[in-house]
Amino acid sequence: MKKRKRKKFKTFFVLFILFCALAMFQNYFQQQDSPLVVKKDPFADVKKYRPLVHDELAKYHLENHTAVVVALMQQESRGQGGDPMQASESAGLARNTITDPKKSIQVGVKHFQRVLTYGNEKKVDFQTIIQSYNMGIGYIDYVAEHGGKHSEELAKEFSLQRVKEKPTIYTCDGNKNNFRYPYCYGDFTYSTKVTKNMELLADSIPVTGDEKTTGESF
């Protein structure tokens, strides 16, 4: 009787193990066949402002640069907060003084139009113009005097000049681990980052024959 009970127990145990293994395999293959989890679009917040950006640029006949300015906004704020273009300082105000996104876009587009126009006059490349949204119009003059073409090395040199002029202001908050240190005026990688944003946005923002994302006709 004991042997018979042991045999039944072993049989039940083996069947239980097989059942568990079968369930695991079935679950695995169901996961493989199921659709991938959709991740949140990192550009979702800036895309909602695209119509406002387009209309504001149209006032200057610059609507072909809509994707560029949307990419700028992505770098500035990812479309969050009351000043998504981080335009307060370009208007001579304290950081985040602007709290209305519409006003932020108006001021930000005006700043973009200004550096774009001046950059054209100085015959610098488009990367310089993008960088100047971050570093100011003085960067255009600096690049114009050094070949007319932006590079991160030139941006570092310009930043360091500004730091030396106001060493108590541009300090990276004293954080030597900040990737910008000691180039604490602006972000010398800004143009590179915005250009990457433009590339990533190219697939998600429809581009018509009238709208370019590369700044070819600036």
Protein backbone atom coordinates (compact mmCIF):
# COMPACT_ATOMS: atom_id res chain seq x y z
CA MET A 1 0.00 0.00 0.00
CA LYS A 2 2.82 2.39 0.91
CA LYS A 3 4.61 1.71 -2.40
CA ARG A 4 1.39 2.31 -4.30
CA LYS A 5 0.82 5.64 -2.47
CA ARG A 6 4.40 6.73 -3.17
CA LYS A 7 3.98 5.89 -6.84
CA LYS A 8 0.77 7.92 -7.03
CA PHE A 9 2.46 10.84 -5.26
CA LYS A 10 5.42 10.74 -7.67
CA THR A 11 3.06 10.63 -10.63
CA PHE A 12 1.09 13.59 -9.28
CA PHE A 13 4.28 15.53 -8.58
CA VAL A 14 5.63 14.95 -12.09
CA LEU A 15 2.31 16.01 -13.62
CA PHE A 16 2.30 19.12 -11.43
CA ILE A 17 5.82 20.07 -12.57
CA LEU A 18 4.87 19.51 -16.21
CA PHE A 19 1.75 21.63 -15.77
CA CYS A 20 3.77 24.50 -14.24
CA ALA A 21 6.36 24.29 -17.00
CA LEU A 22 3.65 24.32 -19.66
CA ALA A 23 2.02 27.37 -18.05
CA MET A 24 5.36 29.19 -17.97
CA PHE A 25 6.05 28.47 -21.64
CA GLN A 26 2.55 29.55 -22.62
CA ASN A 27 2.91 32.81 -20.69
CA TYR A 28 6.31 33.46 -22.31
CA PHE A 29 5.03 33.03 -25.85
CA GLN A 30 1.93 35.12 -25.14
CA GLN A 31 4.23 37.94 -24.05
CA GLN A 32 6.26 37.56 -27.24
CA ASP A 33 3.13 37.78 -29.38
CA SER A 34 1.55 40.66 -27.48
CA PRO A 35 2.06 44.20 -28.82
CA LEU A 36 4.92 46.21 -27.35
CA VAL A 37 4.11 48.59 -24.54
CA VAL A 38 3.74 52.07 -26.03
CA LYS A 39 6.06 54.53 -24.33
CA LYS A 40 5.05 58.13 -23.79
CA ASP A 41 6.13 60.43 -26.58
CA PRO A 42 8.88 62.64 -25.06
CA PHE A 43 7.82 65.43 -27.44
CA ALA A 44 4.11 65.28 -26.57
CA ASP A 45 4.13 68.47 -24.50
CA VAL A 46 5.90 70.62 -27.10
CA LYS A 47 3.78 69.34 -29.97
CA LYS A 48 0.64 70.85 -28.45
CA TYR A 49 2.23 74.30 -28.87
CA ARG A 50 3.10 73.76 -32.51
CA PRO A 51 0.07 75.67 -33.91
CA LEU A 52 0.86 78.68 -31.69
CA VAL A 53 4.52 78.58 -32.71
CA HIS A 54 3.58 78.34 -36.38
CA ASP A 55 1.15 81.27 -36.20
CA GLU A 56 3.61 83.45 -34.30
CA LEU A 57 6.40 82.73 -36.79
CA ALA A 58 4.00 83.50 -39.65
CA LYS A 59 3.88 87.11 -38.43
CA TYR A 60 7.52 87.36 -39.50
CA HIS A 61 7.06 85.13 -42.58
CA LEU A 62 9.22 82.50 -40.85
CA GLU A 63 6.69 79.68 -40.53
CA ASN A 64 9.11 77.41 -42.41
CA HIS A 65 11.11 77.34 -39.15
CA THR A 66 8.28 75.97 -37.02
CA ALA A 67 10.01 72.63 -36.40
CA VAL A 68 13.21 74.45 -35.44
CA VAL A 69 11.47 76.53 -32.78
CA VAL A 70 9.58 73.49 -31.48
CA ALA A 71 12.96 71.76 -31.12
CA LEU A 72 14.26 74.81 -29.26
CA MET A 73 11.30 74.62 -26.89
CA GLN A 74 11.99 70.94 -26.28
CA GLN A 75 15.51 71.81 -25.19
CA GLU A 76 14.41 74.77 -23.10
CA SER A 77 11.58 73.21 -21.11
CA ARG A 78 10.20 70.09 -22.83
CA GLY A 79 7.03 72.15 -23.19
CA GLN A 80 6.44 72.42 -19.45
CA GLY A 81 5.78 75.41 -17.20
CA GLY A 82 4.47 78.89 -17.85
CA ASP A 83 7.51 79.94 -19.86
CA PRO A 84 8.10 76.99 -22.21
CA MET A 85 10.44 79.02 -24.44
CA GLN A 86 12.40 80.22 -21.39
CA ALA A 87 12.07 83.65 -22.94
CA SER A 88 11.96 85.80 -19.79
CA GLU A 89 15.69 86.54 -19.80
CA SER A 90 15.75 87.36 -23.51
CA ALA A 91 13.13 90.02 -22.70
CA GLY A 92 15.38 91.47 -20.00
CA LEU A 93 13.35 89.93 -17.17
CA ALA A 94 14.29 87.60 -14.33
CA ARG A 95 14.17 83.88 -15.10
CA ASN A 96 10.62 82.46 -15.26
CA THR A 97 9.01 85.89 -14.91
CA ILE A 98 6.74 85.04 -17.84
CA THR A 99 3.99 82.69 -16.69
CA ASP A 100 1.75 82.61 -19.78
CA PRO A 101 2.86 80.08 -22.45
CA LYS A 102 1.34 82.22 -25.22
CA LYS A 103 3.38 85.23 -24.10
CA SER A 104 6.45 83.01 -23.79
CA ILE A 105 6.05 81.88 -27.40
CA GLN A 106 5.59 85.47 -28.58
CA VAL A 107 8.77 86.62 -26.84
CA GLY A 108 10.70 83.46 -27.76
CA VAL A 109 9.80 83.73 -31.44
CA LYS A 110 10.77 87.42 -31.41
CA HIS A 111 14.15 86.47 -29.94
CA PHE A 112 14.59 83.74 -32.56
CA GLN A 113 13.68 86.21 -35.33
CA ARG A 114 16.24 88.66 -33.99
CA VAL A 115 19.15 86.19 -33.88
CA LEU A 116 18.12 84.75 -37.24
CA THR A 117 18.09 88.17 -38.91
CA TYR A 118 21.37 89.22 -37.34
CA GLY A 119 22.96 85.87 -38.15
CA ASN A 120 22.02 86.31 -41.79
CA GLU A 121 23.56 89.77 -41.82
CA LYS A 122 26.77 88.43 -40.33
CA LYS A 123 26.74 85.41 -42.67
CA VAL A 124 27.23 82.81 -39.94
CA ASP A 125 25.98 79.24 -40.25
CA PHE A 126 22.60 78.09 -38.93
CA GLN A 127 24.15 76.20 -36.01
CA THR A 128 25.50 79.54 -34.75
CA ILE A 129 21.99 80.99 -34.88
CA ILE A 130 20.62 78.08 -32.86
CA GLN A 131 23.42 78.44 -30.32
CA SER A 132 22.72 82.17 -30.10
CA TYR A 133 19.19 81.50 -28.86
CA ASN A 134 20.96 80.21 -25.77
CA MET A 135 24.08 82.41 -25.62
CA GLY A 136 22.73 85.65 -27.00
CA ILE A 137 23.45 87.75 -30.04
CA GLY A 138 27.03 88.41 -28.95
CA TYR A 139 27.89 84.85 -29.89
CA ILE A 140 27.07 85.67 -33.51
CA ASP A 141 29.64 88.46 -33.48
CA TYR A 142 32.21 86.15 -31.93
CA VAL A 143 31.68 83.40 -34.53
CA ALA A 144 31.67 85.93 -37.38
CA GLU A 145 35.13 87.02 -36.22
CA HIS A 146 36.34 83.41 -36.08
CA GLY A 147 35.38 81.93 -39.42
CA GLY A 148 31.58 82.14 -39.37
CA LYS A 149 30.98 78.53 -38.41
CA HIS A 150 29.84 77.28 -35.00
CA SER A 151 31.75 74.69 -33.04
CA GLU A 152 31.58 73.62 -29.42
CA GLU A 153 35.14 74.86 -28.98
CA LEU A 154 34.13 78.37 -30.07
CA ALA A 155 31.11 78.20 -27.77
CA LYS A 156 33.42 77.24 -24.88
CA GLU A 157 35.75 80.14 -25.65
CA PHE A 158 32.87 82.60 -25.78
CA SER A 159 31.40 81.20 -22.57
CA LEU A 160 34.71 81.52 -20.77
CA GLN A 161 34.98 85.16 -21.84
CA ARG A 162 31.58 85.87 -20.29
CA VAL A 163 32.53 83.98 -17.14
CA LYS A 164 35.68 86.08 -16.76
CA GLU A 165 33.61 89.24 -17.19
CA LYS A 166 31.16 88.21 -14.45
CA PRO A 167 32.83 85.46 -12.39
CA THR A 168 30.44 85.81 -9.47
CA ILE A 169 27.36 85.29 -11.63
CA TYR A 170 28.32 82.45 -13.95
CA THR A 171 29.51 79.84 -11.47
CA CYS A 172 27.49 76.70 -12.29
CA ASP A 173 26.33 77.15 -8.67
CA GLY A 174 29.82 76.18 -7.60
CA ASN A 175 29.30 72.63 -8.82
CA LYS A 176 32.53 71.46 -10.44
CA ASN A 177 30.82 68.21 -11.44
CA ASN A 178 28.47 70.14 -13.72
CA PHE A 179 29.34 69.12 -17.29
CA ARG A 180 29.52 72.82 -18.24
CA TYR A 181 32.11 73.77 -15.63
CA PRO A 182 34.10 76.04 -16.02
CA TYR A 183 32.15 77.17 -19.11
CA CYS A 184 29.22 78.30 -16.99
CA TYR A 185 27.74 80.91 -19.32
CA GLY A 186 25.10 79.16 -21.40
CA ASP A 187 25.37 75.59 -22.62
CA PHE A 188 28.14 75.02 -25.15
CA THR A 189 26.35 71.83 -26.31
CA TYR A 190 23.05 73.63 -26.96
CA SER A 191 23.16 73.64 -30.75
CA THR A 192 24.08 69.95 -30.83
CA LYS A 193 21.14 69.08 -28.58
CA VAL A 194 18.63 71.16 -30.54
CA THR A 195 19.81 69.64 -33.80
CA LYS A 196 19.25 66.18 -32.31
CA ASN A 197 15.76 67.24 -31.26
CA MET A 198 15.08 68.33 -34.83
CA GLU A 199 16.14 64.91 -36.11
CA LEU A 200 13.90 63.10 -33.63
CA LEU A 201 10.97 65.39 -34.40
CA ALA A 202 11.33 64.91 -38.15
CA ASP A 203 9.46 61.58 -38.04
CA SER A 204 6.74 62.75 -35.68
CA ILE A 205 5.99 66.22 -37.05
CA PRO A 206 4.72 66.15 -40.64
CA VAL A 207 6.88 68.21 -42.98
CA THR A 208 5.22 69.77 -45.99
CA GLY A 209 6.85 71.27 -49.02
CA ASP A 210 6.71 74.68 -47.34
CA GLU A 211 8.19 73.62 -44.01
CA LYS A 212 11.83 72.68 -43.63
CA THR A 213 13.46 71.38 -40.48
CA THR A 214 17.08 71.87 -41.46
CA GLY A 215 17.19 75.63 -41.69
CA GLU A 216 18.29 75.53 -45.32
CA SER A 217 16.50 78.72 -46.29
CA PHE A 218 17.44 81.01 -43.45
